């Protein structure tokens, strides 16, 4: 290999640009570690992308080489259900409440219009909506 072999470029072309252990994903901060700690061994199987913290922990043998290899070679699939939890249910409940509030406001508007003049009804409606908005917020 040439004297100035760019093993960082090789690692980033081969592996996902995230820390193989913790998943940190800012490429400018990530480092390429040599699994056997031999900087002259630039074989792709000896390289792994790690964040600075995980790199140091691997060098100190706090994170084992076996763990690093397993984590590097596993498929990186994000399960958004775990991250989003019940966001869909919360959004549906918010929409349901919003629709109920709009329906109630329309009903109040119609009832007030039937009771008196449009001007009186509008004034009463404005007060009622202001009161209901202060309860919702």
Protein backbone atom coordinates (compact mmCIF):
# COMPACT_ATOMS: atom_id res chain seq x y z
CA UNK A 1 0.00 0.00 0.00
CA UNK A 2 1.11 3.59 -0.53
CA UNK A 3 2.79 5.43 2.32
CA UNK A 4 -0.19 7.75 2.88
CA UNK A 5 -3.09 5.33 2.59
CA UNK A 6 -6.45 6.95 3.46
CA UNK A 7 -7.97 4.28 5.68
CA UNK A 8 -10.61 6.76 6.92
CA UNK A 9 -11.98 7.15 3.39
CA UNK A 10 -11.98 3.37 2.91
CA UNK A 11 -13.86 2.79 6.18
CA UNK A 12 -16.49 5.44 5.39
CA UNK A 13 -16.99 3.99 1.90
CA UNK A 14 -17.48 0.49 3.35
CA UNK A 15 -19.39 1.01 6.60
CA UNK A 16 -22.33 3.18 7.63
CA UNK A 17 -21.16 6.61 8.85
CA UNK A 18 -22.27 6.02 12.45
CA UNK A 19 -20.50 4.77 15.53
CA UNK A 20 -20.65 0.99 15.32
CA UNK A 21 -21.19 0.73 19.07
CA UNK A 22 -23.47 3.60 20.19
CA UNK A 23 -24.92 4.84 16.88
CA UNK A 24 -23.62 8.44 17.13
CA UNK A 25 -23.79 9.85 13.62
CA UNK A 26 -21.91 13.10 13.00
CA UNK A 27 -19.27 12.08 10.44
CA UNK A 28 -16.93 14.99 11.20
CA UNK A 29 -16.60 13.78 14.80
CA UNK A 30 -16.34 10.05 14.10
CA UNK A 31 -13.01 8.25 14.14
CA UNK A 32 -11.74 5.12 12.44
CA UNK A 33 -10.30 2.61 14.88
CA UNK A 34 -7.91 -0.22 14.15
CA UNK A 35 -9.40 -3.26 15.86
CA UNK A 36 -6.03 -4.90 16.54
CA UNK A 37 -4.51 -1.50 17.53
CA UNK A 38 -1.92 -1.84 14.74
CA UNK A 39 -2.06 1.38 12.70
CA UNK A 40 -0.12 -0.24 9.86
CA UNK A 41 -2.83 -2.91 9.37
CA UNK A 42 -5.28 -1.00 7.17
CA UNK A 43 -7.22 -4.02 5.95
CA UNK A 44 -10.95 -3.20 5.86
CA UNK A 45 -11.71 -6.08 8.22
CA UNK A 46 -9.45 -4.39 10.80
CA UNK A 47 -11.24 -1.02 10.62
CA UNK A 48 -14.34 0.18 12.43
CA UNK A 49 -16.03 3.57 12.70
CA UNK A 50 -16.42 4.72 16.31
CA UNK A 51 -17.18 7.94 18.15
CA UNK A 52 -14.28 9.27 20.27
CA UNK A 53 -15.78 7.90 23.50
CA UNK A 54 -16.33 4.37 22.18
CA UNK A 55 -12.91 4.45 20.48
CA UNK A 56 -11.22 5.25 23.80
CA UNK A 57 -13.27 2.62 25.65
CA UNK A 58 -12.28 0.02 23.02
CA UNK A 59 -8.61 0.99 23.35
CA UNK A 60 -8.91 0.56 27.14
CA UNK A 61 -10.70 -2.79 26.62
CA UNK A 62 -13.85 -1.53 28.36
CA UNK A 63 -15.67 -2.47 25.15
CA UNK A 64 -14.43 -5.85 23.89
CA UNK A 65 -13.23 -6.48 20.37
CA UNK A 66 -15.90 -9.19 19.98
CA UNK A 67 -18.61 -6.65 20.83
CA UNK A 68 -17.19 -4.10 18.41
CA UNK A 69 -17.11 -6.68 15.59
CA UNK A 70 -20.68 -7.84 16.29
CA UNK A 71 -21.97 -4.27 16.40
CA UNK A 72 -20.05 -3.24 13.26
CA UNK A 73 -21.37 -6.14 11.18
CA UNK A 74 -25.02 -6.10 12.30
CA UNK A 75 -27.64 -4.50 10.05
CA UNK A 76 -28.44 -0.95 11.08
CA UNK A 77 -32.24 -0.74 10.94
CA UNK A 78 -34.21 1.91 12.82
CA UNK A 79 -37.51 0.77 14.29
CA UNK A 80 -39.46 4.01 14.36
CA UNK A 81 -42.27 2.41 16.38
CA UNK A 82 -39.94 2.30 19.38
CA UNK A 83 -38.91 5.91 18.92
CA UNK A 84 -42.36 7.32 18.15
CA UNK A 85 -44.12 5.32 20.88
CA UNK A 86 -47.79 6.29 20.71
CA UNK A 87 -47.47 9.48 18.64
CA UNK A 88 -50.17 8.28 16.21
CA UNK A 89 -52.64 7.72 19.03
CA UNK A 90 -51.85 11.13 20.54
CA UNK A 91 -52.29 12.86 17.18
CA UNK A 92 -55.63 11.09 16.60
CA UNK A 93 -56.87 12.16 20.03
CA UNK A 94 -55.82 15.76 19.37
CA UNK A 95 -57.65 15.73 16.02
CA UNK A 96 -60.73 14.26 17.67
CA UNK A 97 -60.74 16.97 20.37
CA UNK A 98 -60.15 19.67 17.77
CA UNK A 99 -63.07 18.46 15.65
CA UNK A 100 -65.32 18.28 18.73
CA UNK A 101 -64.37 21.84 19.68
CA UNK A 102 -65.13 23.12 16.16
CA UNK A 103 -68.47 21.32 16.16
CA UNK A 104 -69.36 22.78 19.59
CA UNK A 105 -68.42 26.29 18.46
CA UNK A 106 -70.60 25.94 15.37
CA UNK A 107 -73.52 24.71 17.48
CA UNK A 108 -73.12 27.68 19.87
CA UNK A 109 -72.99 30.04 16.90
CA UNK A 110 -76.23 28.60 15.47
CA UNK A 111 -78.01 28.66 18.86
CA UNK A 112 -77.02 32.25 19.55
CA UNK A 113 -78.08 33.34 16.08
CA UNK A 114 -81.48 31.75 16.67
CA UNK A 115 -81.84 33.52 20.07
CA UNK A 116 -81.19 37.08 19.00
CA UNK A 117 -79.63 39.35 16.48
CA UNK A 118 -76.48 38.42 14.68
CA UNK A 119 -74.51 41.17 16.47
CA UNK A 120 -75.56 39.91 19.91
CA UNK A 121 -74.83 36.34 18.89
CA UNK A 122 -71.37 37.27 17.61
CA UNK A 123 -70.55 39.07 20.87
CA UNK A 124 -71.75 36.12 22.96
CA UNK A 125 -69.85 33.71 20.73
CA UNK A 126 -66.63 35.66 21.06
CA UNK A 127 -66.92 35.55 24.85
CA UNK A 128 -67.76 31.84 24.84
CA UNK A 129 -64.86 30.98 22.54
CA UNK A 130 -62.42 33.04 24.60
CA UNK A 131 -63.62 31.23 27.73
CA UNK A 132 -63.27 27.76 26.11
CA UNK A 133 -59.82 28.61 24.71
CA UNK A 134 -58.61 29.60 28.17
CA UNK A 135 -59.79 26.21 29.51
CA UNK A 136 -58.10 24.21 26.68
CA UNK A 137 -54.70 25.96 26.91
